[in-house]
Amino acid sequence: MAHILREAKLIIWDECTMAHKKGIEALNRTLQDIRGCNQIMRGLTVLLSGDFRQTLPVVLRGTRADIVKVCLKTTFLWPHINVLSLRINMHVHLQQSRNVFKTTH
């Protein structure tokens, strides 16, 4: 596994908004240890996807404040994350394009 992480160029973490902030911090420490560098994520591109409006981490018997404390946005890594938002729903866009193609040809 260390060899794979050492050679990786991109890591994709889907639904990261459901993960505890310690998960992303552990990934950061692991990459720093394996790659022998203190740079955040060791310069590797990490694609985090998810929607904070849908699902937050689960904290057993936790209050709303407890849940917010463990969410990804509270990690020390958050200021180093470049947030990009999708503007077009490509699934719907492509489906509409296919329907137009079918009716015109």
Protein backbone atom coordinates (compact mmCIF):
# COMPACT_ATOMS: atom_id res chain seq x y z
CA MET A 1 0.00 0.00 0.00
CA ALA A 2 2.86 2.38 0.78
CA HIS A 3 4.24 1.85 -2.74
CA ILE A 4 0.87 2.79 -4.27
CA LEU A 5 0.61 5.96 -2.14
CA ARG A 6 4.22 6.87 -2.92
CA GLU A 7 3.62 6.63 -6.68
CA ALA A 8 0.11 8.13 -6.78
CA LYS A 9 -0.50 11.38 -8.64
CA LEU A 10 -4.16 11.78 -7.66
CA ILE A 11 -6.35 10.56 -4.79
CA ILE A 12 -10.13 10.84 -5.10
CA TRP A 13 -12.18 10.79 -1.87
CA ASP A 14 -15.89 10.66 -2.65
CA GLU A 15 -18.43 11.81 -0.02
CA CYS A 16 -15.66 13.21 2.17
CA THR A 17 -18.23 15.40 3.92
CA MET A 18 -19.40 12.31 5.83
CA ALA A 19 -15.89 11.58 7.10
CA HIS A 20 -14.45 12.67 10.45
CA LYS A 21 -11.81 15.39 10.10
CA LYS A 22 -9.26 13.01 11.65
CA GLY A 23 -9.53 10.87 8.49
CA ILE A 24 -8.19 13.58 6.18
CA GLU A 25 -5.59 14.55 8.80
CA ALA A 26 -4.46 10.90 8.98
CA LEU A 27 -4.17 10.78 5.18
CA ASN A 28 -2.03 13.93 5.30
CA ARG A 29 0.29 12.49 7.98
CA THR A 30 0.54 9.17 6.13
CA LEU A 31 1.51 10.87 2.87
CA GLN A 32 4.06 13.02 4.68
CA ASP A 33 5.59 9.95 6.37
CA ILE A 34 5.65 7.76 3.25
CA ARG A 35 6.97 10.48 0.97
CA GLY A 36 9.38 11.95 3.54
CA CYS A 37 8.20 15.54 3.35
CA ASN A 38 6.32 17.93 5.65
CA GLN A 39 4.48 19.66 2.80
CA ILE A 40 0.67 19.38 3.12
CA MET A 41 -0.51 16.26 1.27
CA ARG A 42 3.07 16.13 0.03
CA GLY A 43 2.08 18.16 -3.02
CA LEU A 44 -0.26 15.41 -4.23
CA THR A 45 -3.59 16.39 -5.78
CA VAL A 46 -6.41 15.15 -3.57
CA LEU A 47 -9.91 15.51 -4.98
CA LEU A 48 -12.50 15.67 -2.21
CA SER A 49 -16.12 15.49 -3.26
CA GLY A 50 -19.32 15.80 -1.31
CA ASP A 51 -22.06 18.20 -0.30
CA PHE A 52 -22.11 19.69 3.19
CA ARG A 53 -25.84 20.37 2.78
CA GLN A 54 -26.61 16.66 2.53
CA THR A 55 -24.77 14.57 5.11
CA LEU A 56 -22.39 15.41 7.94
CA PRO A 57 -20.28 12.98 9.97
CA VAL A 58 -22.11 10.75 12.44
CA VAL A 59 -21.29 11.33 16.11
CA LEU A 60 -23.01 8.85 18.42
CA ARG A 61 -25.04 10.70 21.05
CA GLY A 62 -23.44 13.92 19.80
CA THR A 63 -24.96 17.36 19.78
CA ARG A 64 -25.04 19.60 16.73
CA ALA A 65 -21.94 21.32 18.09
CA ASP A 66 -20.16 17.96 18.41
CA ILE A 67 -20.95 17.16 14.78
CA VAL A 68 -19.67 20.53 13.58
CA LYS A 69 -16.44 20.07 15.59
CA VAL A 70 -15.55 16.89 13.68
CA CYS A 71 -16.55 18.03 10.20
CA LEU A 72 -13.96 18.56 7.48
CA LYS A 73 -14.30 22.34 7.55
CA THR A 74 -12.85 22.47 11.09
CA THR A 75 -9.56 20.73 10.27
CA PHE A 76 -6.33 22.71 10.20
CA LEU A 77 -6.07 21.63 6.54
CA TRP A 78 -9.21 23.53 5.46
CA PRO A 79 -7.40 26.83 4.68
CA HIS A 80 -5.21 24.88 2.23
CA ILE A 81 -8.17 23.40 0.34
CA ASN A 82 -9.21 25.00 -2.93
CA VAL A 83 -13.00 24.77 -3.14
CA LEU A 84 -14.50 24.41 -6.60
CA SER A 85 -18.22 24.14 -7.31
CA LEU A 86 -19.93 22.50 -10.25
CA ARG A 87 -22.30 24.86 -12.03
CA ILE A 88 -23.86 22.50 -14.58
CA ASN A 89 -25.39 19.12 -13.83
CA MET A 90 -23.55 17.21 -16.57
CA HIS A 91 -25.73 14.10 -16.22
CA VAL A 92 -28.87 16.11 -17.03
CA HIS A 93 -27.03 18.17 -19.66
CA LEU A 94 -25.77 15.06 -21.48
CA GLN A 95 -29.16 13.35 -21.22
CA GLN A 96 -30.84 16.37 -22.83
CA SER A 97 -28.22 16.39 -25.59
CA ARG A 98 -28.90 12.71 -26.34
CA ASN A 99 -32.65 13.34 -26.50
CA VAL A 100 -32.16 16.24 -28.93
CA PHE A 101 -29.89 14.07 -31.07
CA LYS A 102 -32.46 11.24 -31.17
CA THR A 103 -35.33 13.51 -32.22
CA THR A 104 -33.41 15.36 -34.93
CA HIS A 105 -31.88 12.34 -36.67
